[in-house]
Protein backbone atom coordinates (compact mmCIF):
# COMPACT_ATOMS: atom_id res chain seq x y z
CA MET A 1 -24.13 -5.35 -1.05
CA GLY A 2 -21.26 -4.14 -3.21
CA MET A 3 -20.71 -1.00 -5.18
CA GLN A 4 -23.62 0.32 -7.23
CA ARG A 5 -23.12 1.36 -10.85
CA TYR A 6 -23.83 5.02 -10.06
CA GLU A 7 -21.15 4.92 -7.34
CA LEU A 8 -18.63 3.46 -9.77
CA GLU A 9 -19.50 6.06 -12.41
CA ALA A 10 -19.08 8.82 -9.80
CA TRP A 11 -15.68 7.35 -8.84
CA LEU A 12 -14.64 7.19 -12.50
CA GLY A 13 -15.71 10.74 -13.30
CA ASP A 14 -16.87 12.03 -16.67
CA ASP A 15 -13.79 11.36 -18.81
CA HIS A 16 -13.16 7.71 -17.95
CA GLY A 17 -13.00 6.41 -21.51
CA LEU A 18 -14.74 3.10 -20.77
CA THR A 19 -17.53 1.46 -22.74
CA ASP A 20 -20.70 0.29 -21.02
CA ASP A 21 -19.44 -3.30 -21.21
CA GLN A 22 -16.15 -2.29 -19.59
CA ILE A 23 -18.04 -0.48 -16.81
CA ASP A 24 -20.07 -3.65 -16.24
CA GLU A 25 -16.84 -5.67 -16.07
CA LEU A 26 -15.28 -3.18 -13.67
CA LEU A 27 -18.39 -3.30 -11.49
CA VAL A 28 -18.05 -7.08 -11.17
CA GLN A 29 -14.39 -6.63 -10.28
CA ALA A 30 -15.32 -3.93 -7.74
CA ASP A 31 -17.60 -6.42 -5.98
CA ASP A 32 -14.81 -9.02 -5.90
CA ILE A 33 -12.38 -6.42 -4.59
CA ASP A 34 -14.84 -5.34 -1.92
CA SER A 35 -15.21 -8.92 -0.64
CA ARG A 36 -11.44 -9.44 -0.62
CA SER A 37 -10.42 -6.20 1.03
CA GLY A 38 -13.03 -6.05 3.78
CA ASP A 39 -12.69 -2.78 5.68
CA ASP A 40 -9.35 -1.78 4.14
CA GLN A 41 -10.47 1.12 1.96
CA ASP A 42 -6.92 1.97 0.84
CA GLU A 43 -6.39 -1.55 -0.46
CA ALA A 44 -9.77 -1.53 -2.18
CA ARG A 45 -9.07 1.83 -3.86
CA GLU A 46 -5.66 0.68 -5.11
CA ALA A 47 -7.07 -2.61 -6.42
CA LEU A 48 -9.94 -0.84 -8.18
CA THR A 49 -7.49 1.63 -9.71
CA ALA A 50 -5.39 -1.27 -11.02
CA ALA A 51 -8.49 -2.96 -12.44
CA TYR A 52 -9.46 0.28 -14.19
CA ARG A 53 -5.94 0.79 -15.54
CA LEU A 54 -5.90 -2.76 -16.92
CA LEU A 55 -9.00 -1.88 -18.95
CA ARG A 56 -7.45 1.34 -20.29
CA GLU A 57 -3.72 0.63 -20.62
CA GLY A 58 -1.63 -2.28 -21.76
CA ALA A 59 -1.17 -4.98 -19.12
CA ASP A 60 2.62 -4.86 -19.54
CA ALA A 61 2.69 -1.13 -18.77
CA VAL A 62 0.47 -1.49 -15.70
CA VAL A 63 2.43 -4.42 -14.27
CA ALA A 64 5.76 -2.71 -14.99
CA ASP A 65 4.59 0.47 -13.24
CA LEU A 66 3.30 -1.44 -10.21
CA ALA A 67 6.51 -3.48 -10.00
CA GLN A 68 8.59 -0.29 -10.16
CA ARG A 69 6.46 1.32 -7.43
CA ARG A 70 6.88 -1.77 -5.26
CA ALA A 71 10.66 -1.78 -5.77
CA ALA A 72 10.85 1.92 -4.88
CA ALA A 73 8.74 1.36 -1.76
CA ARG A 74 10.93 -1.56 -0.73
CA ALA A 75 14.08 0.52 -1.23
CA ALA A 76 12.58 3.36 0.81
CA GLU A 77 11.68 0.90 3.57
CA LEU A 78 15.22 -0.47 3.65
CA ASP A 79 16.64 3.06 3.81
CA ALA A 80 14.33 3.98 6.67
CA LEU A 81 15.12 0.78 8.57
CA ALA A 82 18.86 1.40 8.25
CA GLY A 83 18.35 4.90 9.62
CA LEU A 84 16.15 3.65 12.46
CA GLN A 85 18.72 0.99 13.34
CA GLN A 86 21.46 3.58 13.59
CA ALA A 87 19.21 5.89 15.61
CA ALA A 88 18.45 3.02 18.00
CA ILE A 89 22.12 2.16 18.43
CA THR A 90 23.03 5.79 19.05
CA LEU A 91 20.12 6.88 21.25
CA ILE A 92 19.82 3.76 23.36
CA GLY A 93 23.59 3.44 23.58
CA ARG A 94 23.96 6.87 25.12
CA GLY A 95 20.91 6.51 27.36
CA ASP A 96 18.63 8.95 25.54
CA ALA A 97 16.01 6.26 24.87
CA THR A 98 14.91 2.89 26.18
CA GLU A 99 14.40 -0.17 23.98
CA SER A 100 10.65 -0.12 24.52
CA GLY A 101 10.32 3.63 24.15
CA PHE A 102 12.34 3.64 20.94
CA ALA A 103 10.37 0.68 19.58
CA ARG A 104 7.08 2.46 20.27
CA GLN A 105 8.29 5.71 18.70
CA ALA A 106 9.74 3.96 15.63
CA GLY A 107 6.72 1.73 15.07
CA VAL A 108 8.63 -1.54 15.43
CA ASP A 109 8.55 -4.23 18.09
CA ARG A 110 11.05 -4.35 20.93
CA MET A 111 12.61 -7.59 19.64
CA THR A 112 13.54 -5.79 16.41
CA VAL A 113 15.27 -3.09 18.45
CA ARG A 114 17.08 -5.74 20.50
CA LYS A 115 18.24 -7.42 17.30
CA TRP A 116 19.56 -4.11 16.01
CA LEU A 117 21.49 -3.74 19.27
CA GLY A 118 23.00 -7.22 18.85
CA LYS A 119 21.13 -8.70 21.82
């Protein structure tokens, strides 16, 4: 069974600004989100937050904000990967780390590390 109305109202808090009809709509969306996300509570929370925002804010503003957040996250990922690649080249090259050990520590697979090393 999905989220109950009292749970949704507790999640929203007192100053949510939604009408009863909007709460009903959000409750239906919460059930859909719950079935889609399974056990991933972070995904479910983010999806429910987006659904709430779409009821309160303009769709263009919500989508623009989410797109900007995604672009920033992607840029941060690329920055981190470039740094990890250089760390792998340096540390493995001078014998301070092994491919597998570095991969485990960096949270990537060994084949990624080998690719970084040009193997």
